[in-house]
Amino acid sequence: MIETKRTGKIAQVIQNKLAVLFQKDPPLRNGLLTVMDVQVTVDLSYANINVSLIGVSDPKALLKALNEKSTYYRIEIAKNWSSKKVPQLKFVHDESHEKAYNLTHLIDTAVSN
């Protein structure tokens, strides 16, 4: 997605508001959910929310639950929202931390041998 100054600011606001919502009502009891990045389309119709899921036994089920609850999150974000349009939210699993961990583990194993 192309990021403009406007979409970048809106993405940051969405990320901050989701962080507050997740602190008030955590979507999971065990494990760690982190909003890594938010990408908003130029027309503000959609926002992809990249989340990192650490210590979660079934990430697919959690993503499904987050996406089913996305309307609730959208309504909560819309409160005190200055723009006319609030993007539809889609949660996506960001696996970059897991890949980095696996790569580090492989390097450590190769160096120790």
Protein backbone atom coordinates (compact mmCIF):
# COMPACT_ATOMS: atom_id res chain seq x y z
CA MET A 1 0.00 0.00 0.00
CA ILE A 2 1.19 3.49 -0.75
CA GLU A 3 1.68 5.55 2.37
CA THR A 4 1.06 9.27 2.34
CA LYS A 5 1.52 11.70 5.18
CA ARG A 6 -2.21 11.56 5.89
CA THR A 7 -2.50 7.75 5.85
CA GLY A 8 0.64 7.52 8.00
CA LYS A 9 -0.91 9.74 10.66
CA ILE A 10 -4.20 7.86 10.54
CA ALA A 11 -2.35 4.54 10.81
CA GLN A 12 -0.53 5.82 13.90
CA VAL A 13 -3.81 6.92 15.51
CA ILE A 14 -5.37 3.51 14.80
CA GLN A 15 -2.33 1.74 16.24
CA ASN A 16 -2.43 3.85 19.43
CA LYS A 17 -6.18 3.39 19.89
CA LEU A 18 -5.94 -0.37 19.39
CA ALA A 19 -3.14 -0.54 21.97
CA VAL A 20 -5.39 1.20 24.50
CA LEU A 21 -8.34 -1.07 23.61
CA PHE A 22 -6.18 -4.19 23.97
CA GLN A 23 -5.01 -3.01 27.40
CA LYS A 24 -8.59 -2.47 28.61
CA ASP A 25 -9.95 -5.70 27.14
CA PRO A 26 -7.10 -8.07 26.25
CA PRO A 27 -8.03 -10.43 23.40
CA LEU A 28 -5.97 -13.19 25.04
CA ARG A 29 -5.08 -14.14 28.59
CA ASN A 30 -1.85 -16.05 27.92
CA GLY A 31 0.73 -14.89 25.43
CA LEU A 32 1.60 -11.56 23.92
CA LEU A 33 -0.18 -9.64 21.17
CA THR A 34 1.61 -6.63 19.70
CA VAL A 35 0.39 -4.32 16.95
CA MET A 36 3.49 -4.15 14.76
CA ASP A 37 2.24 -2.03 11.89
CA VAL A 38 -0.91 -0.52 10.45
CA GLN A 39 -1.27 0.09 6.72
CA VAL A 40 -4.17 2.25 5.53
CA THR A 41 -5.31 2.50 1.93
CA VAL A 42 -5.19 5.96 0.35
CA ASP A 43 -9.00 6.17 0.15
CA LEU A 44 -9.20 5.23 3.88
CA SER A 45 -11.48 2.27 3.16
CA TYR A 46 -9.30 -0.47 4.65
CA ALA A 47 -6.57 -0.88 7.24
CA ASN A 48 -4.39 -3.97 7.55
CA ILE A 49 -3.33 -4.45 11.15
CA ASN A 50 -0.14 -6.55 11.39
CA VAL A 51 -0.03 -8.24 14.77
CA SER A 52 2.71 -10.30 16.34
CA LEU A 53 1.47 -13.26 18.38
CA ILE A 54 3.99 -14.70 20.81
CA GLY A 55 3.13 -17.63 23.06
CA VAL A 56 -0.23 -18.20 21.37
CA SER A 57 -1.08 -21.87 20.85
CA ASP A 58 -3.50 -21.27 17.94
CA PRO A 59 -2.73 -18.03 16.05
CA LYS A 60 -5.29 -18.76 13.31
CA ALA A 61 -8.12 -18.97 15.84
CA LEU A 62 -7.02 -15.74 17.51
CA LEU A 63 -6.83 -13.93 14.16
CA LYS A 64 -10.30 -15.20 13.32
CA ALA A 65 -11.60 -13.91 16.66
CA LEU A 66 -9.92 -10.52 16.14
CA ASN A 67 -11.39 -10.19 12.65
CA GLU A 68 -14.85 -11.17 13.92
CA LYS A 69 -14.54 -8.45 16.57
CA SER A 70 -13.16 -5.87 14.11
CA THR A 71 -16.52 -4.05 13.88
CA TYR A 72 -16.41 -3.47 17.64
CA TYR A 73 -12.85 -2.13 17.39
CA ARG A 74 -13.87 0.09 14.48
CA ILE A 75 -16.76 1.57 16.48
CA GLU A 76 -14.47 2.20 19.45
CA ILE A 77 -11.88 3.86 17.20
CA ALA A 78 -14.62 6.02 15.65
CA LYS A 79 -15.35 7.63 19.01
CA ASN A 80 -13.65 11.07 19.05
CA TRP A 81 -12.49 10.47 15.46
CA SER A 82 -11.89 13.64 13.46
CA SER A 83 -12.12 12.10 9.99
CA LYS A 84 -15.41 11.31 8.24
CA LYS A 85 -14.33 7.80 7.36
CA VAL A 86 -13.06 5.04 9.62
CA PRO A 87 -11.36 2.22 7.70
CA GLN A 88 -12.51 -1.39 7.90
CA LEU A 89 -9.99 -3.33 9.94
CA LYS A 90 -8.35 -6.59 8.90
CA PHE A 91 -5.95 -8.33 11.27
CA VAL A 92 -2.98 -10.14 9.73
CA HIS A 93 -0.36 -12.31 11.47
CA ASP A 94 3.11 -10.71 11.31
CA GLU A 95 5.64 -13.52 11.49
CA SER A 96 8.78 -11.38 11.27
CA HIS A 97 9.75 -11.86 14.93
CA GLU A 98 9.37 -15.62 14.70
CA LYS A 99 11.45 -15.72 11.51
CA ALA A 100 14.12 -13.56 13.15
CA TYR A 101 14.20 -15.85 16.19
CA ASN A 102 14.54 -18.94 14.01
CA LEU A 103 17.31 -17.34 11.96
CA THR A 104 19.18 -16.32 15.11
CA HIS A 105 18.82 -19.84 16.45
CA LEU A 106 20.22 -21.30 13.21
CA ILE A 107 23.18 -18.91 13.28
CA ASP A 108 23.92 -19.71 16.93
CA THR A 109 23.78 -23.44 16.16
CA ALA A 110 26.11 -23.07 13.17
CA VAL A 111 28.62 -20.97 15.14
CA SER A 112 28.68 -23.39 18.08
CA ASN A 113 29.47 -26.37 15.81
